[in-house]
Amino acid sequence: MRLFDSQASPFCRKVRVLLLETGQADDVEIVPAIGNVLECERMPLAENPLGKIPTLARDEGPALYDSRVICRFLDARAQARLYPETRLWDVLTLEATADGIMDAAVLMVYEGRCRPEAIRSADWVEGQWAKVDRALDAVNARWVSHLGGRLSMAQIAMGCAMGYLDFRHGDRDWRRGRDALAAWEAGFAERPSMQATRPV
């Protein structure tokens, strides 16, 4: 199998962490795919008509995308139970929350990188950050206890989301006022899989 991947993408990082945690890293070739909607020449257009990453090209069958689909497939392949039936809806909701944080944080980067300076919108960027703020507040207030226990995809996704905030938006100090979530993240970030996939 081949994983079309960018080291900076938090969505790709989710998949790479899962591969390490489930012992499947040697089964997948990492193929660098760098670009965006305006510069898509190096993106996996033949495998994924949306031209997005991560995209997993399988040996049999069509390629899989997006990160949630790929993670469910790889979890089932390894029978790792990162989506436990007894907590499935909580895990899926937390993964969706983490993905929403990552979506908003990536769009903030794209606003500065892809849009000409004359038409960039500071209000739009702050609107994206407001989504991040609300989501982090909700996780800190209601969901931190769901991030404990046996490893799940909720933990991986949330760890990657907060790692991306540090990587691209560290000046916004997402930890302020969120002591419970910050403490959880500090411990989770020490996992070898998280250390091995830190964006540079």
N, C-alpha and C. Protein backbone atom coordinates (compact mmCIF):
# COMPACT_ATOMS: atom_id res chain seq x y z
N MET A 1 0.84 -1.19 0.00
CA MET A 1 0.00 0.00 0.00
C MET A 1 0.88 1.24 0.00
N ARG A 2 0.32 2.33 -0.54
CA ARG A 2 1.03 3.60 -0.57
C ARG A 2 0.16 4.67 0.08
N LEU A 3 0.78 5.45 0.98
CA LEU A 3 0.08 6.55 1.64
C LEU A 3 0.61 7.86 1.08
N PHE A 4 -0.24 8.61 0.38
CA PHE A 4 0.13 9.94 -0.08
C PHE A 4 -0.01 10.89 1.10
N ASP A 5 1.08 11.57 1.42
CA ASP A 5 1.26 12.13 2.75
C ASP A 5 2.06 13.43 2.70
N SER A 6 1.76 14.33 3.62
CA SER A 6 2.61 15.49 3.88
C SER A 6 2.95 15.51 5.35
N GLN A 7 4.22 15.69 5.67
CA GLN A 7 4.66 15.68 7.07
C GLN A 7 3.97 16.76 7.89
N ALA A 8 3.58 17.86 7.26
CA ALA A 8 2.97 18.96 8.00
C ALA A 8 1.48 18.78 8.25
N SER A 9 0.84 17.87 7.52
CA SER A 9 -0.61 17.71 7.62
C SER A 9 -1.01 16.97 8.89
N PRO A 10 -1.90 17.54 9.70
CA PRO A 10 -2.36 16.82 10.89
C PRO A 10 -3.22 15.62 10.55
N PHE A 11 -3.89 15.67 9.40
CA PHE A 11 -4.72 14.54 8.97
C PHE A 11 -3.84 13.36 8.57
N CYS A 12 -2.75 13.65 7.89
CA CYS A 12 -1.79 12.59 7.57
C CYS A 12 -1.13 12.06 8.83
N ARG A 13 -0.85 12.95 9.76
CA ARG A 13 -0.21 12.51 11.00
C ARG A 13 -1.09 11.51 11.74
N LYS A 14 -2.40 11.72 11.75
CA LYS A 14 -3.31 10.75 12.36
C LYS A 14 -3.06 9.35 11.83
N VAL A 15 -2.94 9.25 10.51
CA VAL A 15 -2.75 7.94 9.89
C VAL A 15 -1.39 7.37 10.26
N ARG A 16 -0.35 8.19 10.23
CA ARG A 16 0.99 7.69 10.56
C ARG A 16 1.08 7.25 12.02
N VAL A 17 0.43 7.96 12.92
CA VAL A 17 0.41 7.53 14.33
C VAL A 17 -0.29 6.19 14.45
N LEU A 18 -1.44 6.05 13.79
CA LEU A 18 -2.15 4.77 13.82
C LEU A 18 -1.28 3.65 13.28
N LEU A 19 -0.59 3.88 12.19
CA LEU A 19 0.27 2.84 11.61
C LEU A 19 1.32 2.39 12.62
N LEU A 20 1.93 3.34 13.32
CA LEU A 20 2.95 2.99 14.31
C LEU A 20 2.33 2.26 15.50
N GLU A 21 1.21 2.74 15.96
CA GLU A 21 0.57 2.15 17.14
C GLU A 21 0.06 0.74 16.87
N THR A 22 -0.25 0.43 15.63
CA THR A 22 -0.82 -0.88 15.30
C THR A 22 0.18 -1.81 14.61
N GLY A 23 1.43 -1.38 14.50
CA GLY A 23 2.45 -2.24 13.91
C GLY A 23 2.33 -2.43 12.41
N GLN A 24 1.74 -1.46 11.72
CA GLN A 24 1.56 -1.59 10.27
C GLN A 24 2.46 -0.67 9.45
N ALA A 25 3.36 0.04 10.09
CA ALA A 25 4.16 1.04 9.38
C ALA A 25 4.96 0.43 8.24
N ASP A 26 5.45 -0.79 8.42
CA ASP A 26 6.26 -1.42 7.38
C ASP A 26 5.43 -1.90 6.19
N ASP A 27 4.11 -1.89 6.33
CA ASP A 27 3.23 -2.34 5.25
C ASP A 27 2.86 -1.23 4.28
N VAL A 28 3.27 -0.01 4.60
CA VAL A 28 2.82 1.15 3.83
C VAL A 28 4.01 1.99 3.39
N GLU A 29 4.08 2.27 2.10
CA GLU A 29 5.10 3.17 1.56
C GLU A 29 4.57 4.60 1.65
N ILE A 30 5.37 5.50 2.21
CA ILE A 30 4.98 6.90 2.32
C ILE A 30 5.41 7.63 1.04
N VAL A 31 4.44 8.27 0.38
CA VAL A 31 4.70 9.00 -0.86
C VAL A 31 4.44 10.48 -0.60
N PRO A 32 5.48 11.32 -0.64
CA PRO A 32 5.26 12.76 -0.39
C PRO A 32 4.31 13.36 -1.42
N ALA A 33 3.37 14.13 -0.94
CA ALA A 33 2.39 14.80 -1.80
C ALA A 33 2.14 16.18 -1.22
N ILE A 34 2.77 17.18 -1.80
CA ILE A 34 2.71 18.53 -1.26
C ILE A 34 1.99 19.42 -2.24
N GLY A 35 1.05 20.22 -1.74
CA GLY A 35 0.35 21.14 -2.60
C GLY A 35 -0.93 21.63 -1.96
N ASN A 36 -1.74 22.30 -2.75
CA ASN A 36 -3.03 22.80 -2.30
C ASN A 36 -3.93 22.92 -3.52
N VAL A 37 -5.11 23.48 -3.35
CA VAL A 37 -6.06 23.54 -4.46
C VAL A 37 -5.54 24.37 -5.62
N LEU A 38 -4.61 25.29 -5.36
CA LEU A 38 -4.05 26.12 -6.42
C LEU A 38 -2.78 25.53 -7.02
N GLU A 39 -2.17 24.61 -6.32
CA GLU A 39 -0.92 23.99 -6.77
C GLU A 39 -1.04 22.49 -6.52
N CYS A 40 -1.73 21.80 -7.39
CA CYS A 40 -2.08 20.40 -7.13
C CYS A 40 -1.30 19.41 -7.98
N GLU A 41 -0.23 19.85 -8.63
CA GLU A 41 0.50 18.96 -9.53
C GLU A 41 1.08 17.75 -8.83
N ARG A 42 1.47 17.90 -7.55
CA ARG A 42 2.08 16.79 -6.81
C ARG A 42 1.09 16.08 -5.90
N MET A 43 -0.19 16.34 -6.08
CA MET A 43 -1.21 15.69 -5.28
C MET A 43 -1.70 14.43 -6.00
N PRO A 44 -2.29 13.49 -5.28
CA PRO A 44 -2.68 12.19 -5.88
C PRO A 44 -3.99 12.27 -6.66
N LEU A 45 -4.00 13.03 -7.73
CA LEU A 45 -5.24 13.26 -8.49
C LEU A 45 -5.76 11.99 -9.14
N ALA A 46 -4.86 11.11 -9.57
CA ALA A 46 -5.31 9.87 -10.21
C ALA A 46 -5.98 8.94 -9.19
N GLU A 47 -5.53 8.99 -7.95
CA GLU A 47 -6.07 8.12 -6.90
C GLU A 47 -7.27 8.75 -6.19
N ASN A 48 -7.27 10.06 -6.08
CA ASN A 48 -8.31 10.76 -5.34
C ASN A 48 -8.74 11.97 -6.18
N PRO A 49 -9.93 11.95 -6.75
CA PRO A 49 -10.34 13.06 -7.61
C PRO A 49 -10.42 14.40 -6.89
N LEU A 50 -10.51 14.38 -5.56
CA LEU A 50 -10.52 15.62 -4.80
C LEU A 50 -9.12 16.20 -4.66
N GLY A 51 -8.10 15.38 -4.93
CA GLY A 51 -6.72 15.86 -4.84
C GLY A 51 -6.30 16.18 -3.44
N LYS A 52 -6.85 15.47 -2.46
CA LYS A 52 -6.54 15.76 -1.06
C LYS A 52 -5.73 14.63 -0.44
N ILE A 53 -5.08 14.97 0.65
CA ILE A 53 -4.33 13.98 1.43
C ILE A 53 -4.86 13.98 2.85
N PRO A 54 -4.70 12.83 3.52
CA PRO A 54 -4.08 11.58 3.07
C PRO A 54 -4.97 10.80 2.11
N THR A 55 -4.33 10.07 1.24
CA THR A 55 -4.98 9.11 0.35
C THR A 55 -4.19 7.81 0.45
N LEU A 56 -4.90 6.71 0.65
CA LEU A 56 -4.26 5.41 0.77
C LEU A 56 -4.57 4.58 -0.46
N ALA A 57 -3.53 4.32 -1.27
CA ALA A 57 -3.68 3.46 -2.45
C ALA A 57 -3.47 2.02 -2.00
N ARG A 58 -4.51 1.20 -2.18
CA ARG A 58 -4.44 -0.19 -1.76
C ARG A 58 -3.93 -1.07 -2.89
N ASP A 59 -3.41 -2.24 -2.51
CA ASP A 59 -2.97 -3.21 -3.52
C ASP A 59 -4.15 -3.78 -4.28
N GLU A 60 -5.30 -3.89 -3.61
CA GLU A 60 -6.52 -4.38 -4.24
C GLU A 60 -7.64 -3.40 -3.92
N GLY A 61 -8.34 -2.96 -4.96
CA GLY A 61 -9.44 -2.04 -4.75
C GLY A 61 -9.02 -0.60 -4.93
N PRO A 62 -10.00 0.29 -5.03
CA PRO A 62 -9.69 1.71 -5.23
C PRO A 62 -9.05 2.32 -3.99
N ALA A 63 -8.43 3.47 -4.20
CA ALA A 63 -7.80 4.19 -3.09
C ALA A 63 -8.85 4.66 -2.10
N LEU A 64 -8.42 4.80 -0.84
CA LEU A 64 -9.30 5.26 0.22
C LEU A 64 -8.92 6.69 0.64
N TYR A 65 -9.91 7.47 1.00
CA TYR A 65 -9.74 8.82 1.53
C TYR A 65 -11.05 9.16 2.21
N ASP A 66 -11.13 10.00 3.17
CA ASP A 66 -10.21 10.88 3.82
C ASP A 66 -9.60 10.19 5.05
N SER A 67 -9.07 10.96 6.01
CA SER A 67 -8.35 10.34 7.13
C SER A 67 -9.23 9.43 7.96
N ARG A 68 -10.51 9.80 8.16
CA ARG A 68 -11.37 8.96 8.99
C ARG A 68 -11.65 7.61 8.32
N VAL A 69 -11.83 7.62 7.01
CA VAL A 69 -12.05 6.37 6.29
C VAL A 69 -10.78 5.50 6.34
N ILE A 70 -9.64 6.12 6.10
CA ILE A 70 -8.37 5.39 6.13
C ILE A 70 -8.13 4.79 7.52
N CYS A 71 -8.38 5.58 8.54
CA CYS A 71 -8.13 5.08 9.91
C CYS A 71 -9.06 3.93 10.27
N ARG A 72 -10.32 4.01 9.86
CA ARG A 72 -11.23 2.89 10.12
C ARG A 72 -10.76 1.64 9.39
N PHE A 73 -10.32 1.79 8.15
CA PHE A 73 -9.83 0.65 7.37
C PHE A 73 -8.61 0.02 8.03
N LEU A 74 -7.64 0.84 8.39
CA LEU A 74 -6.40 0.31 8.97
C LEU A 74 -6.64 -0.29 10.35
N ASP A 75 -7.55 0.30 11.11
CA ASP A 75 -7.92 -0.27 12.41
C ASP A 75 -8.54 -1.65 12.23
N ALA A 76 -9.45 -1.77 11.28
CA ALA A 76 -10.08 -3.07 11.02
C ALA A 76 -9.05 -4.08 10.52
N ARG A 77 -8.15 -3.63 9.67
CA ARG A 77 -7.11 -4.51 9.12
C ARG A 77 -6.24 -5.10 10.22
N ALA A 78 -5.92 -4.29 11.21
CA ALA A 78 -5.06 -4.74 12.31
C ALA A 78 -5.84 -5.32 13.48
N GLN A 79 -7.17 -5.21 13.42
CA GLN A 79 -8.03 -5.62 14.54
C GLN A 79 -7.55 -4.99 15.84
N ALA A 80 -7.26 -3.69 15.76
CA ALA A 80 -6.67 -2.98 16.90
C ALA A 80 -7.70 -2.44 17.88
N ARG A 81 -8.97 -2.35 17.47
CA ARG A 81 -10.06 -1.89 18.34
C ARG A 81 -9.83 -0.45 18.83
N LEU A 82 -9.34 0.39 17.92
CA LEU A 82 -9.23 1.82 18.25
C LEU A 82 -10.58 2.52 18.19
N TYR A 83 -11.58 1.81 17.66
CA TYR A 83 -12.98 2.27 17.65
C TYR A 83 -13.80 1.25 18.44
N PRO A 84 -13.67 1.21 19.75
CA PRO A 84 -14.34 0.17 20.54
C PRO A 84 -15.86 0.31 20.49
N GLU A 85 -16.54 -0.78 20.31
CA GLU A 85 -18.00 -0.76 20.19
C GLU A 85 -18.67 -0.17 21.43
N THR A 86 -18.10 -0.42 22.59
CA THR A 86 -18.74 0.06 23.83
C THR A 86 -18.68 1.57 23.96
N ARG A 87 -17.77 2.22 23.25
CA ARG A 87 -17.63 3.69 23.32
C ARG A 87 -17.64 4.31 21.93
N LEU A 88 -18.23 3.62 20.96
CA LEU A 88 -18.06 4.01 19.56
C LEU A 88 -18.52 5.44 19.29
N TRP A 89 -19.70 5.82 19.78
CA TRP A 89 -20.23 7.14 19.43
C TRP A 89 -19.43 8.25 20.08
N ASP A 90 -18.94 8.00 21.29
CA ASP A 90 -18.07 9.00 21.92
C ASP A 90 -16.76 9.15 21.16
N VAL A 91 -16.18 8.02 20.76
CA VAL A 91 -14.91 8.07 20.03
C VAL A 91 -15.10 8.76 18.68
N LEU A 92 -16.16 8.43 17.96
CA LEU A 92 -16.40 9.06 16.67
C LEU A 92 -16.66 10.56 16.81
N THR A 93 -17.39 10.95 17.86
CA THR A 93 -17.67 12.37 18.06
C THR A 93 -16.40 13.13 18.40
N LEU A 94 -15.56 12.55 19.24
CA LEU A 94 -14.30 13.21 19.57
C LEU A 94 -13.37 13.27 18.36
N GLU A 95 -13.35 12.23 17.55
CA GLU A 95 -12.54 12.28 16.33
C GLU A 95 -13.06 13.37 15.40
N ALA A 96 -14.38 13.48 15.26
CA ALA A 96 -14.96 14.52 14.42
C ALA A 96 -14.64 15.91 14.97
N THR A 97 -14.66 16.05 16.29
CA THR A 97 -14.31 17.34 16.91
C THR A 97 -12.86 17.69 16.61
N ALA A 98 -11.97 16.72 16.76
CA ALA A 98 -10.56 16.96 16.46
C ALA A 98 -10.37 17.31 15.00
N ASP A 99 -11.06 16.60 14.11
CA ASP A 99 -10.95 16.90 12.68
C ASP A 99 -11.47 18.30 12.38
N GLY A 100 -12.52 18.72 13.06
CA GLY A 100 -13.03 20.08 12.88
C GLY A 100 -12.03 21.13 13.33
N ILE A 101 -11.35 20.86 14.43
CA ILE A 101 -10.28 21.76 14.89
C ILE A 101 -9.20 21.85 13.82
N MET A 102 -8.80 20.71 13.29
CA MET A 102 -7.75 20.70 12.28
C MET A 102 -8.21 21.40 11.01
N ASP A 103 -9.45 21.17 10.59
CA ASP A 103 -9.98 21.85 9.41
C ASP A 103 -9.86 23.37 9.56
N ALA A 104 -10.34 23.87 10.68
CA ALA A 104 -10.33 25.32 10.90
C ALA A 104 -8.90 25.86 10.95
N ALA A 105 -8.02 25.14 11.63
CA ALA A 105 -6.64 25.60 11.76
C ALA A 105 -5.91 25.58 10.42
N VAL A 106 -6.19 24.57 9.59
CA VAL A 106 -5.58 24.52 8.25
C VAL A 106 -6.11 25.64 7.37
N LEU A 107 -7.41 25.92 7.44
CA LEU A 107 -7.97 27.00 6.64
C LEU A 107 -7.38 28.35 7.02
N MET A 108 -7.05 28.53 8.29
CA MET A 108 -6.37 29.76 8.70
C MET A 108 -5.02 29.90 7.99
N VAL A 109 -4.30 28.81 7.90
CA VAL A 109 -3.00 28.83 7.20
C VAL A 109 -3.21 29.12 5.72
N TYR A 110 -4.20 28.46 5.10
CA TYR A 110 -4.44 28.65 3.67
C TYR A 110 -4.85 30.09 3.35
N GLU A 111 -5.56 30.73 4.25
CA GLU A 111 -5.96 32.12 4.00
C GLU A 111 -4.73 33.00 3.77
N GLY A 112 -3.68 32.78 4.56
CA GLY A 112 -2.47 33.56 4.39
C GLY A 112 -1.58 33.06 3.26
N ARG A 113 -1.66 31.79 2.97
CA ARG A 113 -0.75 31.20 1.99
C ARG A 113 -1.31 31.25 0.56
N CYS A 114 -2.61 31.08 0.41
CA CYS A 114 -3.19 30.92 -0.92
C CYS A 114 -3.94 32.15 -1.43
N ARG A 115 -4.41 32.99 -0.55
CA ARG A 115 -5.21 34.14 -0.99
C ARG A 115 -4.32 35.37 -1.11
N PRO A 116 -4.44 36.13 -2.18
CA PRO A 116 -3.66 37.37 -2.31
C PRO A 116 -3.90 38.29 -1.12
N GLU A 117 -2.85 38.97 -0.70
CA GLU A 117 -2.92 39.78 0.52
C GLU A 117 -4.06 40.79 0.49
N ALA A 118 -4.33 41.36 -0.66
CA ALA A 118 -5.34 42.41 -0.75
C ALA A 118 -6.75 41.92 -0.44
N ILE A 119 -6.99 40.63 -0.57
CA ILE A 119 -8.35 40.12 -0.33
C ILE A 119 -8.41 39.14 0.85
N ARG A 120 -7.37 39.09 1.65
CA ARG A 120 -7.43 38.26 2.86
C ARG A 120 -8.38 38.87 3.87
N SER A 121 -9.01 38.00 4.64
CA SER A 121 -9.99 38.47 5.63
C SER A 121 -9.55 38.08 7.04
N ALA A 122 -9.18 39.09 7.81
CA ALA A 122 -8.83 38.84 9.21
C ALA A 122 -10.05 38.34 9.99
N ASP A 123 -11.23 38.87 9.65
CA ASP A 123 -12.45 38.43 10.33
C ASP A 123 -12.72 36.95 10.07
N TRP A 124 -12.48 36.52 8.84
CA TRP A 124 -12.70 35.11 8.49
C TRP A 124 -11.72 34.23 9.26
N VAL A 125 -10.46 34.66 9.38
CA VAL A 125 -9.46 33.91 10.15
C VAL A 125 -9.91 33.80 11.60
N GLU A 126 -10.37 34.91 12.17
CA GLU A 126 -10.81 34.88 13.57
C GLU A 126 -12.06 34.02 13.73
N GLY A 127 -12.91 33.98 12.71
CA GLY A 127 -14.07 33.09 12.75
C GLY A 127 -13.66 31.63 12.80
N GLN A 128 -12.60 31.28 12.06
CA GLN A 128 -12.08 29.92 12.13
C GLN A 128 -11.51 29.63 13.52
N TRP A 129 -10.78 30.60 14.07
CA TRP A 129 -10.22 30.38 15.41
C TRP A 129 -11.32 30.26 16.45
N ALA A 130 -12.44 30.96 16.25
CA ALA A 130 -13.56 30.84 17.19
C ALA A 130 -14.07 29.40 17.24
N LYS A 131 -14.08 28.71 16.10
CA LYS A 131 -14.46 27.29 16.08
C LYS A 131 -13.50 26.48 16.94
N VAL A 132 -12.22 26.74 16.77
CA VAL A 132 -11.20 26.03 17.56
C VAL A 132 -11.42 26.29 19.04
N ASP A 133 -11.61 27.54 19.40
CA ASP A 133 -11.82 27.93 20.80
C ASP A 133 -13.00 27.19 21.41
N ARG A 134 -14.13 27.21 20.71
CA ARG A 134 -15.33 26.55 21.24
C ARG A 134 -15.13 25.05 21.40
N ALA A 135 -14.48 24.45 20.41
CA ALA A 135 -14.26 23.01 20.47
C ALA A 135 -13.34 22.64 21.62
N LEU A 136 -12.26 23.39 21.80
CA LEU A 136 -11.34 23.11 22.90
C LEU A 136 -12.01 23.31 24.26
N ASP A 137 -12.83 24.35 24.36
CA ASP A 137 -13.57 24.57 25.62
C ASP A 137 -14.49 23.39 25.92
N ALA A 138 -15.17 22.89 24.90
CA ALA A 138 -16.09 21.77 25.10
C ALA A 138 -15.33 20.51 25.51
N VAL A 139 -14.22 20.24 24.86
CA VAL A 139 -13.44 19.05 25.22
C VAL A 139 -12.91 19.19 26.64
N ASN A 140 -12.39 20.36 26.99
CA ASN A 140 -11.85 20.58 28.33
C ASN A 140 -12.93 20.42 29.40
N ALA A 141 -14.14 20.91 29.11
CA ALA A 141 -15.22 20.90 30.10
C ALA A 141 -15.93 19.56 30.19
N ARG A 142 -16.10 18.86 29.06
CA ARG A 142 -16.99 17.70 29.05
C ARG A 142 -16.38 16.38 28.61
N TRP A 143 -15.24 16.43 27.94
CA TRP A 143 -14.77 15.22 27.27
C TRP A 143 -13.42 14.70 27.75
N VAL A 144 -12.73 15.40 28.62
CA VAL A 144 -11.38 14.96 28.98
C VAL A 144 -11.40 13.55 29.57
N SER A 145 -12.41 13.23 30.35
CA SER A 145 -12.47 11.89 30.94
C SER A 145 -12.57 10.81 29.85
N HIS A 146 -13.11 11.16 28.69
CA HIS A 146 -13.25 10.20 27.58
C HIS A 146 -11.92 9.98 26.85
N LEU A 147 -10.92 10.79 27.18
CA LEU A 147 -9.60 10.64 26.56
C LEU A 147 -8.69 9.75 27.39
N GLY A 148 -9.19 9.19 28.47
CA GLY A 148 -8.39 8.30 29.30
C GLY A 148 -8.57 6.85 28.86
N GLY A 149 -7.91 5.98 29.59
CA GLY A 149 -8.07 4.55 29.34
C GLY A 149 -7.32 4.04 28.14
N ARG A 150 -7.78 2.90 27.63
CA ARG A 150 -7.13 2.22 26.52
C ARG A 150 -7.08 3.13 25.29
N LEU A 151 -6.00 3.04 24.53
CA LEU A 151 -5.81 3.88 23.36
C LEU A 151 -6.99 3.77 22.40
N SER A 152 -7.47 4.91 21.94
CA SER A 152 -8.55 4.96 20.96
C SER A 152 -8.22 5.99 19.89
N MET A 153 -9.01 5.98 18.84
CA MET A 153 -8.81 6.95 17.76
C MET A 153 -9.13 8.36 18.22
N ALA A 154 -9.99 8.49 19.22
CA ALA A 154 -10.27 9.82 19.78
C ALA A 154 -8.99 10.45 20.34
N GLN A 155 -8.22 9.66 21.04
CA GLN A 155 -6.97 10.18 21.61
C GLN A 155 -5.99 10.57 20.51
N ILE A 156 -5.82 9.71 19.52
CA ILE A 156 -4.88 9.99 18.44
C ILE A 156 -5.28 11.27 17.71
N ALA A 157 -6.55 11.37 17.36
CA ALA A 157 -7.03 12.54 16.61
C ALA A 157 -6.86 13.82 17.42
N MET A 158 -7.23 13.76 18.70
CA MET A 158 -7.13 14.97 19.52
C MET A 158 -5.67 15.35 19.74
N GLY A 159 -4.81 14.37 19.95
CA GLY A 159 -3.39 14.67 20.11
C GLY A 159 -2.81 15.31 18.86
N CYS A 160 -3.20 14.84 17.69
CA CYS A 160 -2.70 15.41 16.44
C CYS A 160 -3.26 16.82 16.22
N ALA A 161 -4.51 17.04 16.61
CA ALA A 161 -5.10 18.37 16.47
C ALA A 161 -4.35 19.39 17.31
N MET A 162 -4.07 19.05 18.55
CA MET A 162 -3.38 20.01 19.41
C MET A 162 -1.93 20.17 19.02
N GLY A 163 -1.33 19.11 18.50
CA GLY A 163 0.02 19.24 17.98
C GLY A 163 0.07 20.21 16.81
N TYR A 164 -0.96 20.19 15.96
CA TYR A 164 -0.99 21.11 14.83
C TYR A 164 -1.18 22.56 15.31
N LEU A 165 -1.98 22.75 16.34
CA LEU A 165 -2.14 24.10 16.89
C LEU A 165 -0.80 24.63 17.37
N ASP A 166 -0.02 23.80 18.03
CA ASP A 166 1.32 24.23 18.46
C ASP A 166 2.21 24.53 17.26
N PHE A 167 2.11 23.72 16.22
CA PHE A 167 2.98 23.83 15.05
C PHE A 167 2.68 25.10 14.25
N ARG A 168 1.42 25.38 14.00
CA ARG A 168 1.05 26.50 13.13
C ARG A 168 0.50 27.73 13.86
N HIS A 169 -0.01 27.55 15.07
CA HIS A 169 -0.67 28.66 15.76
C HIS A 169 -0.22 28.76 17.22
N GLY A 170 1.06 28.49 17.45
CA GLY A 170 1.56 28.46 18.82
C GLY A 170 1.43 29.78 19.55
N ASP A 171 1.39 30.87 18.82
CA ASP A 171 1.27 32.18 19.46
C ASP A 171 -0.10 32.42 20.07
N ARG A 172 -1.06 31.58 19.78
CA ARG A 172 -2.42 31.78 20.31
C ARG A 172 -2.64 31.10 21.66
N ASP A 173 -1.69 30.30 22.11
CA ASP A 173 -1.71 29.71 23.45
C ASP A 173 -3.05 29.03 23.77
N TRP A 174 -3.33 27.96 23.06
CA TRP A 174 -4.59 27.24 23.27
C TRP A 174 -4.72 26.65 24.66
N ARG A 175 -3.62 26.51 25.39
CA ARG A 175 -3.67 25.88 26.72
C ARG A 175 -4.26 26.79 27.80
N ARG A 176 -4.22 28.09 27.61
CA ARG A 176 -4.66 29.03 28.65
C ARG A 176 -6.11 28.76 29.04
N GLY A 177 -6.34 28.52 30.33
CA GLY A 177 -7.69 28.27 30.83
C GLY A 177 -8.20 26.87 30.59
N ARG A 178 -7.34 26.00 30.08
CA ARG A 178 -7.77 24.62 29.80
C ARG A 178 -6.78 23.64 30.45
N ASP A 179 -6.69 23.71 31.73
CA ASP A 179 -5.66 22.95 32.44
C ASP A 179 -5.82 21.45 32.27
N ALA A 180 -7.05 20.96 32.32
CA ALA A 180 -7.27 19.51 32.23
C ALA A 180 -6.84 18.99 30.86
N LEU A 181 -7.23 19.69 29.81
CA LEU A 181 -6.88 19.26 28.46
C LEU A 181 -5.38 19.41 28.22
N ALA A 182 -4.80 20.48 28.71
CA ALA A 182 -3.36 20.70 28.55
C ALA A 182 -2.56 19.60 29.25
N ALA A 183 -3.01 19.19 30.43
CA ALA A 183 -2.32 18.12 31.15
C ALA A 183 -2.42 16.80 30.40
N TRP A 184 -3.61 16.52 29.87
CA TRP A 184 -3.75 15.29 29.09
C TRP A 184 -2.83 15.32 27.87
N GLU A 185 -2.82 16.43 27.15
CA GLU A 185 -2.01 16.54 25.94
C GLU A 185 -0.53 16.38 26.24
N ALA A 186 -0.08 16.93 27.34
CA ALA A 186 1.34 16.85 27.69
C ALA A 186 1.77 15.40 27.85
N GLY A 187 0.91 14.60 28.47
CA GLY A 187 1.24 13.19 28.63
C GLY A 187 1.15 12.42 27.34
N PHE A 188 0.10 12.68 26.56
CA PHE A 188 -0.10 11.93 25.31
C PHE A 188 1.01 12.25 24.30
N ALA A 189 1.48 13.47 24.30
CA ALA A 189 2.51 13.88 23.34
C ALA A 189 3.83 13.14 23.55
N GLU A 190 4.00 12.50 24.71
CA GLU A 190 5.23 11.76 24.98
C GLU A 190 5.23 10.35 24.40
N ARG A 191 4.10 9.91 23.89
CA ARG A 191 4.08 8.57 23.29
C ARG A 191 5.09 8.50 22.16
N PRO A 192 5.79 7.38 22.00
CA PRO A 192 6.78 7.27 20.91
C PRO A 192 6.20 7.56 19.53
N SER A 193 4.96 7.15 19.29
CA SER A 193 4.34 7.39 17.98
C SER A 193 4.14 8.88 17.73
N MET A 194 3.83 9.62 18.77
CA MET A 194 3.65 11.06 18.62
C MET A 194 5.00 11.76 18.45
N GLN A 195 5.99 11.31 19.18
CA GLN A 195 7.32 11.89 19.04
C GLN A 195 7.87 11.64 17.64
N ALA A 196 7.65 10.44 17.11
CA ALA A 196 8.19 10.07 15.81
C ALA A 196 7.53 10.80 14.66
N THR A 197 6.34 11.35 14.88
CA THR A 197 5.58 11.99 13.79
C THR A 197 5.45 13.49 13.96
N ARG A 198 6.19 14.06 14.86
CA ARG A 198 6.09 15.52 15.08
C ARG A 198 6.45 16.27 13.81
N PRO A 199 5.63 17.23 13.41
CA PRO A 199 5.99 18.02 12.21
C PRO A 199 7.19 18.90 12.47
N VAL A 200 7.99 19.07 11.46
CA VAL A 200 9.21 19.87 11.56
C VAL A 200 9.00 21.15 10.76
